[in-house]
Amino acid sequence: MSDWNDKVRDAMKRRGMTNLQLATELGVNQTTVGRWLSGRSTPGVGILRHIGSILGIKLVESGITETGVAQETELLAAFRRMSAAERSLLLHCLRDRDLRCHDGPEDNTDG
């Protein structure tokens, strides 16, 4: 699944809509829309729903909260800063659902 901003860019392209036009519809400035679409910032859930309604796409699943969107954005940013080896290890740990997973030696202390 692609990022929400990829979905927005694709929908805007299909409609021939510019950042300025979307910004005007939302009541924000063009720079703000540019930051959202580049991933430098993330709009709130309410704005995401409004963007979705303007473009006729679903961006927010029911039950999604501001906190959830903020956490997802933070996780994605942290993941993008990781090296390839760190990413691989993290994905391995997540697939195994072992949140204690690490690449170092096991801690065999009895403390």
C-alpha atoms as a PDB file:
ATOM      1  CA  MET A   1       0.000   0.000   0.000  1.00  0.00           C
ATOM      2  CA  SER A   2       1.333   3.422  -0.874  1.00  0.00           C
ATOM      3  CA  ASP A   3       1.631   6.367   1.463  1.00  0.00           C
ATOM      4  CA  TRP A   4      -1.367   8.675   1.797  1.00  0.00           C
ATOM      5  CA  ASN A   5       0.500  11.480   0.044  1.00  0.00           C
ATOM      6  CA  ASP A   6       1.148   9.245  -2.983  1.00  0.00           C
ATOM      7  CA  LYS A   7      -2.593   8.572  -3.184  1.00  0.00           C
ATOM      8  CA  VAL A   8      -3.293  12.298  -3.003  1.00  0.00           C
ATOM      9  CA  ARG A   9      -0.739  13.149  -5.710  1.00  0.00           C
ATOM     10  CA  ASP A  10      -2.172  10.440  -7.978  1.00  0.00           C
ATOM     11  CA  ALA A  11      -5.755  11.650  -7.441  1.00  0.00           C
ATOM     12  CA  MET A  12      -4.705  15.267  -8.026  1.00  0.00           C
ATOM     13  CA  LYS A  13      -2.938  14.282 -11.247  1.00  0.00           C
ATOM     14  CA  ARG A  14      -6.014  12.394 -12.495  1.00  0.00           C
ATOM     15  CA  ARG A  15      -8.149  15.485 -11.837  1.00  0.00           C
ATOM     16  CA  GLY A  16      -5.592  17.957 -13.175  1.00  0.00           C
ATOM     17  CA  MET A  17      -5.571  19.670  -9.764  1.00  0.00           C
ATOM     18  CA  THR A  18      -2.631  21.784  -8.607  1.00  0.00           C
ATOM     19  CA  ASN A  19      -1.308  22.251  -5.071  1.00  0.00           C
ATOM     20  CA  LEU A  20      -2.718  25.775  -5.151  1.00  0.00           C
ATOM     21  CA  GLN A  21      -6.184  24.537  -6.103  1.00  0.00           C
ATOM     22  CA  LEU A  22      -6.183  21.941  -3.322  1.00  0.00           C
ATOM     23  CA  ALA A  23      -4.891  24.529  -0.853  1.00  0.00           C
ATOM     24  CA  THR A  24      -7.692  26.907  -1.820  1.00  0.00           C
ATOM     25  CA  GLU A  25     -10.315  24.165  -1.351  1.00  0.00           C
ATOM     26  CA  LEU A  26      -8.873  23.388   2.094  1.00  0.00           C
ATOM     27  CA  GLY A  27      -8.406  26.992   3.183  1.00  0.00           C
ATOM     28  CA  VAL A  28      -4.648  26.617   3.709  1.00  0.00           C
ATOM     29  CA  ASN A  29      -1.681  28.010   1.824  1.00  0.00           C
ATOM     30  CA  GLN A  30       0.086  26.287  -1.034  1.00  0.00           C
ATOM     31  CA  THR A  31       3.285  25.855   0.993  1.00  0.00           C
ATOM     32  CA  THR A  32       1.391  23.799   3.580  1.00  0.00           C
ATOM     33  CA  VAL A  33       0.042  21.461   0.898  1.00  0.00           C
ATOM     34  CA  GLY A  34       3.560  21.143  -0.533  1.00  0.00           C
ATOM     35  CA  ARG A  35       4.929  20.160   2.881  1.00  0.00           C
ATOM     36  CA  TRP A  36       2.211  17.534   3.299  1.00  0.00           C
ATOM     37  CA  LEU A  37       2.752  16.045  -0.139  1.00  0.00           C
ATOM     38  CA  SER A  38       6.531  15.949   0.284  1.00  0.00           C
ATOM     39  CA  GLY A  39       6.187  14.215   3.656  1.00  0.00           C
ATOM     40  CA  ARG A  40       7.800  17.063   5.624  1.00  0.00           C
ATOM     41  CA  SER A  41       4.654  17.380   7.731  1.00  0.00           C
ATOM     42  CA  THR A  42       1.346  15.574   8.119  1.00  0.00           C
ATOM     43  CA  PRO A  43      -2.125  17.054   8.286  1.00  0.00           C
ATOM     44  CA  GLY A  44      -4.526  16.057  11.016  1.00  0.00           C
ATOM     45  CA  VAL A  45      -7.125  13.348  10.563  1.00  0.00           C
ATOM     46  CA  GLY A  46      -9.859  15.920   9.900  1.00  0.00           C
ATOM     47  CA  ILE A  47      -7.861  17.497   7.078  1.00  0.00           C
ATOM     48  CA  LEU A  48      -7.032  14.063   5.653  1.00  0.00           C
ATOM     49  CA  ARG A  49     -10.736  13.256   5.577  1.00  0.00           C
ATOM     50  CA  HIS A  50     -11.449  16.605   3.897  1.00  0.00           C
ATOM     51  CA  ILE A  51      -8.728  15.994   1.292  1.00  0.00           C
ATOM     52  CA  GLY A  52     -10.211  12.565   0.642  1.00  0.00           C
ATOM     53  CA  SER A  53     -13.686  13.996   0.157  1.00  0.00           C
ATOM     54  CA  ILE A  54     -12.400  16.659  -2.253  1.00  0.00           C
ATOM     55  CA  LEU A  55     -10.519  14.089  -4.320  1.00  0.00           C
ATOM     56  CA  GLY A  56     -13.017  11.243  -3.985  1.00  0.00           C
ATOM     57  CA  ILE A  57     -10.561   8.889  -2.284  1.00  0.00           C
ATOM     58  CA  LYS A  58     -10.430   7.249   1.142  1.00  0.00           C
ATOM     59  CA  LEU A  59      -7.389   8.291   3.146  1.00  0.00           C
ATOM     60  CA  VAL A  60      -8.497   7.564   6.697  1.00  0.00           C
ATOM     61  CA  GLU A  61      -9.861   4.269   7.936  1.00  0.00           C
ATOM     62  CA  SER A  62     -12.560   4.451  10.569  1.00  0.00           C
ATOM     63  CA  GLY A  63     -11.075   4.463  14.041  1.00  0.00           C
ATOM     64  CA  ILE A  64      -7.898   6.311  13.021  1.00  0.00           C
ATOM     65  CA  THR A  65      -6.960   9.022  15.515  1.00  0.00           C
ATOM     66  CA  GLU A  66      -4.630  12.023  15.507  1.00  0.00           C
ATOM     67  CA  THR A  67      -2.292  10.111  17.831  1.00  0.00           C
ATOM     68  CA  GLY A  68      -2.233   7.112  15.518  1.00  0.00           C
ATOM     69  CA  VAL A  69      -1.385   9.249  12.490  1.00  0.00           C
ATOM     70  CA  ALA A  70       1.353  11.056  14.441  1.00  0.00           C
ATOM     71  CA  GLN A  71       2.857   7.765  15.622  1.00  0.00           C
ATOM     72  CA  GLU A  72       2.768   6.294  12.122  1.00  0.00           C
ATOM     73  CA  THR A  73       4.480   9.393  10.733  1.00  0.00           C
ATOM     74  CA  GLU A  74       7.147   9.239  13.439  1.00  0.00           C
ATOM     75  CA  LEU A  75       7.773   5.528  12.816  1.00  0.00           C
ATOM     76  CA  LEU A  76       8.061   6.046   9.069  1.00  0.00           C
ATOM     77  CA  ALA A  77      10.510   8.920   9.538  1.00  0.00           C
ATOM     78  CA  ALA A  78      12.639   6.822  11.917  1.00  0.00           C
ATOM     79  CA  PHE A  79      12.572   3.882   9.489  1.00  0.00           C
ATOM     80  CA  ARG A  80      13.736   6.112   6.633  1.00  0.00           C
ATOM     81  CA  ARG A  81      16.728   7.274   8.712  1.00  0.00           C
ATOM     82  CA  MET A  82      17.885   3.682   9.353  1.00  0.00           C
ATOM     83  CA  SER A  83      20.595   1.910   7.447  1.00  0.00           C
ATOM     84  CA  ALA A  84      19.644  -1.018   5.230  1.00  0.00           C
ATOM     85  CA  ALA A  85      20.947  -3.456   7.847  1.00  0.00           C
ATOM     86  CA  GLU A  86      18.915  -1.799  10.613  1.00  0.00           C
ATOM     87  CA  ARG A  87      15.794  -1.881   8.457  1.00  0.00           C
ATOM     88  CA  SER A  88      16.301  -5.543   7.691  1.00  0.00           C
ATOM     89  CA  LEU A  89      16.741  -6.402  11.372  1.00  0.00           C
ATOM     90  CA  LEU A  90      13.684  -4.392  12.391  1.00  0.00           C
ATOM     91  CA  LEU A  91      11.514  -6.032   9.738  1.00  0.00           C
ATOM     92  CA  HIS A  92      12.761  -9.465  10.827  1.00  0.00           C
ATOM     93  CA  CYS A  93      11.838  -8.679  14.437  1.00  0.00           C
ATOM     94  CA  LEU A  94       8.425  -7.336  13.497  1.00  0.00           C
ATOM     95  CA  ARG A  95       7.625 -10.337  11.312  1.00  0.00           C
ATOM     96  CA  ASP A  96       8.510 -12.624  14.223  1.00  0.00           C
ATOM     97  CA  ARG A  97       6.634 -10.305  16.612  1.00  0.00           C
ATOM     98  CA  ASP A  98       9.708 -10.330  18.845  1.00  0.00           C
ATOM     99  CA  LEU A  99      10.069  -6.774  20.106  1.00  0.00           C
ATOM    100  CA  ARG A 100      13.111  -7.784  22.152  1.00  0.00           C
ATOM    101  CA  CYS A 101      14.906  -8.831  18.975  1.00  0.00           C
ATOM    102  CA  HIS A 102      18.386  -7.386  18.473  1.00  0.00           C
ATOM    103  CA  ASP A 103      21.548  -8.200  16.602  1.00  0.00           C
ATOM    104  CA  GLY A 104      23.791  -8.328  19.672  1.00  0.00           C
ATOM    105  CA  PRO A 105      24.636 -11.304  21.862  1.00  0.00           C
ATOM    106  CA  GLU A 106      21.953 -12.599  24.205  1.00  0.00           C
ATOM    107  CA  ASP A 107      21.948 -11.162  27.703  1.00  0.00           C
ATOM    108  CA  ASN A 108      22.510 -14.218  29.873  1.00  0.00           C
ATOM    109  CA  THR A 109      22.704 -12.424  33.211  1.00  0.00           C
ATOM    110  CA  ASP A 110      20.440 -13.627  35.972  1.00  0.00           C
ATOM    111  CA  GLY A 111      19.944 -10.113  37.428  1.00  0.00           C
END
